[in-house]
C-alpha atoms as a PDB file:
ATOM      1  CA  MET A   1     -52.023  69.165   6.520  1.00  0.00           C
ATOM      2  CA  ASN A   2     -52.833  67.053   3.401  1.00  0.00           C
ATOM      3  CA  ALA A   3     -55.931  67.090   0.966  1.00  0.00           C
ATOM      4  CA  ASP A   4     -57.557  64.234   2.822  1.00  0.00           C
ATOM      5  CA  GLU A   5     -57.704  66.287   6.071  1.00  0.00           C
ATOM      6  CA  VAL A   6     -58.836  69.437   4.304  1.00  0.00           C
ATOM      7  CA  LEU A   7     -61.667  67.592   2.459  1.00  0.00           C
ATOM      8  CA  LYS A   8     -62.690  65.257   5.246  1.00  0.00           C
ATOM      9  CA  ASN A   9     -66.127  66.768   5.953  1.00  0.00           C
ATOM     10  CA  ILE A  10     -66.744  68.248   2.500  1.00  0.00           C
ATOM     11  CA  LYS A  11     -68.983  66.626  -0.132  1.00  0.00           C
ATOM     12  CA  VAL A  12     -68.965  68.015  -3.596  1.00  0.00           C
ATOM     13  CA  PRO A  13     -72.215  67.462  -5.389  1.00  0.00           C
ATOM     14  CA  LEU A  14     -71.698  66.838  -9.174  1.00  0.00           C
ATOM     15  CA  GLY A  15     -74.949  66.940 -11.176  1.00  0.00           C
ATOM     16  CA  GLY A  16     -75.570  65.608 -14.619  1.00  0.00           C
ATOM     17  CA  ASP A  17     -77.821  63.562 -16.678  1.00  0.00           C
ATOM     18  CA  LEU A  18     -77.668  59.880 -16.712  1.00  0.00           C
ATOM     19  CA  LEU A  19     -74.659  59.652 -19.069  1.00  0.00           C
ATOM     20  CA  GLY A  20     -72.720  62.151 -16.885  1.00  0.00           C
ATOM     21  CA  ARG A  21     -73.515  60.348 -13.668  1.00  0.00           C
ATOM     22  CA  GLU A  22     -72.396  57.026 -15.368  1.00  0.00           C
ATOM     23  CA  ARG A  23     -69.094  58.732 -16.240  1.00  0.00           C
ATOM     24  CA  ILE A  24     -68.603  59.909 -12.766  1.00  0.00           C
ATOM     25  CA  THR A  25     -69.308  56.425 -11.483  1.00  0.00           C
ATOM     26  CA  GLY A  26     -66.765  54.966 -13.989  1.00  0.00           C
ATOM     27  CA  ALA A  27     -64.118  57.301 -12.924  1.00  0.00           C
ATOM     28  CA  LYS A  28     -64.669  56.487  -9.286  1.00  0.00           C
ATOM     29  CA  LYS A  29     -64.580  52.723 -10.042  1.00  0.00           C
ATOM     30  CA  THR A  30     -61.330  53.008 -11.885  1.00  0.00           C
ATOM     31  CA  ARG A  31     -59.733  54.662  -8.857  1.00  0.00           C
ATOM     32  CA  LEU A  32     -60.982  52.215  -6.059  1.00  0.00           C
ATOM     33  CA  GLY A  33     -57.566  50.903  -5.482  1.00  0.00           C
ATOM     34  CA  CYS A  34     -56.059  54.285  -4.577  1.00  0.00           C
ATOM     35  CA  ASP A  35     -54.854  54.898  -1.061  1.00  0.00           C
ATOM     36  CA  SER A  36     -56.346  58.277  -0.171  1.00  0.00           C
ATOM     37  CA  ALA A  37     -60.019  59.326  -0.154  1.00  0.00           C
ATOM     38  CA  THR A  38     -59.198  62.165  -2.526  1.00  0.00           C
ATOM     39  CA  GLU A  39     -57.553  59.978  -4.966  1.00  0.00           C
ATOM     40  CA  ARG A  40     -60.603  57.720  -4.872  1.00  0.00           C
ATOM     41  CA  PHE A  41     -62.956  60.672  -5.409  1.00  0.00           C
ATOM     42  CA  ASP A  42     -64.812  59.773  -2.267  1.00  0.00           C
ATOM     43  CA  ASN A  43     -65.966  63.356  -1.550  1.00  0.00           C
ATOM     44  CA  ILE A  44     -67.830  63.562  -4.933  1.00  0.00           C
ATOM     45  CA  VAL A  45     -71.511  62.837  -4.781  1.00  0.00           C
ATOM     46  CA  GLU A  46     -73.420  62.179  -7.890  1.00  0.00           C
ATOM     47  CA  THR A  47     -76.708  64.009  -8.107  1.00  0.00           C
ATOM     48  CA  PRO A  48     -79.290  63.601 -10.881  1.00  0.00           C
ATOM     49  CA  ALA A  49     -80.068  66.612 -12.921  1.00  0.00           C
ATOM     50  CA  LEU A  50     -83.314  66.108 -14.772  1.00  0.00           C
ATOM     51  CA  TRP A  51     -82.890  68.951 -17.297  1.00  0.00           C
ATOM     52  CA  HIS A  52     -84.210  66.733 -20.090  1.00  0.00           C
ATOM     53  CA  ALA A  53     -87.357  65.823 -18.244  1.00  0.00           C
ATOM     54  CA  LYS A  54     -88.033  69.306 -17.239  1.00  0.00           C
ATOM     55  CA  GLN A  55     -87.404  70.612 -20.782  1.00  0.00           C
ATOM     56  CA  SER A  56     -89.811  67.914 -22.075  1.00  0.00           C
ATOM     57  CA  TYR A  57     -92.558  68.874 -19.574  1.00  0.00           C
ATOM     58  CA  LEU A  58     -92.132  72.638 -20.225  1.00  0.00           C
ATOM     59  CA  GLY A  59     -92.258  72.218 -23.937  1.00  0.00           C
ATOM     60  CA  VAL A  60     -95.288  70.039 -24.073  1.00  0.00           C
ATOM     61  CA  SER A  61     -97.513  71.500 -21.350  1.00  0.00           C
ATOM     62  CA  THR A  62     -96.925  75.268 -20.854  1.00  0.00           C
ATOM     63  CA  LEU A  63    -100.682  75.818 -21.150  1.00  0.00           C
ATOM     64  CA  ASN A  64    -101.635  73.299 -18.502  1.00  0.00           C
ATOM     65  CA  LEU A  65    -100.106  75.183 -15.562  1.00  0.00           C
ATOM     66  CA  PRO A  66    -101.712  73.172 -12.690  1.00  0.00           C
ATOM     67  CA  CYS A  67    -100.274  69.938 -14.139  1.00  0.00           C
ATOM     68  CA  LEU A  68     -96.903  71.495 -14.798  1.00  0.00           C
ATOM     69  CA  ALA A  69     -96.783  72.816 -11.250  1.00  0.00           C
ATOM     70  CA  LEU A  70     -97.371  69.294  -9.853  1.00  0.00           C
ATOM     71  CA  ILE A  71     -94.834  67.750 -12.201  1.00  0.00           C
ATOM     72  CA  LEU A  72     -92.072  70.314 -11.271  1.00  0.00           C
ATOM     73  CA  ALA A  73     -92.847  69.763  -7.484  1.00  0.00           C
ATOM     74  CA  PHE A  74     -92.412  65.944  -8.014  1.00  0.00           C
ATOM     75  CA  VAL A  75     -89.049  66.486  -9.812  1.00  0.00           C
ATOM     76  CA  HIS A  76     -87.892  68.904  -6.955  1.00  0.00           C
ATOM     77  CA  HIS A  77     -88.963  66.275  -4.339  1.00  0.00           C
ATOM     78  CA  PHE A  78     -87.262  63.505  -6.210  1.00  0.00           C
ATOM     79  CA  ILE A  79     -83.922  65.437  -6.378  1.00  0.00           C
ATOM     80  CA  HIS A  80     -84.180  66.358  -2.683  1.00  0.00           C
ATOM     81  CA  CYS A  81     -84.726  62.676  -1.724  1.00  0.00           C
ATOM     82  CA  LEU A  82     -81.599  61.673  -3.559  1.00  0.00           C
ATOM     83  CA  SER A  83     -79.351  64.137  -1.965  1.00  0.00           C
END
């Protein structure tokens, strides 16, 4: 049994900010010519991690809790829609 058969139905989410996601995409592009799915990193799925956005909203608006709750719900929904 080879690595492609083992990882056939497994997707690995790899979260990061925009720079991290760009690096993952670049690594996948450089390996497009590889023969197997594992060598092409086909099982890696880029997912956005909005740490900086959350940090900004938490730092600016900790006293406005209803607004903060709405923003965090939006961020959570955005991440869920992309996965």
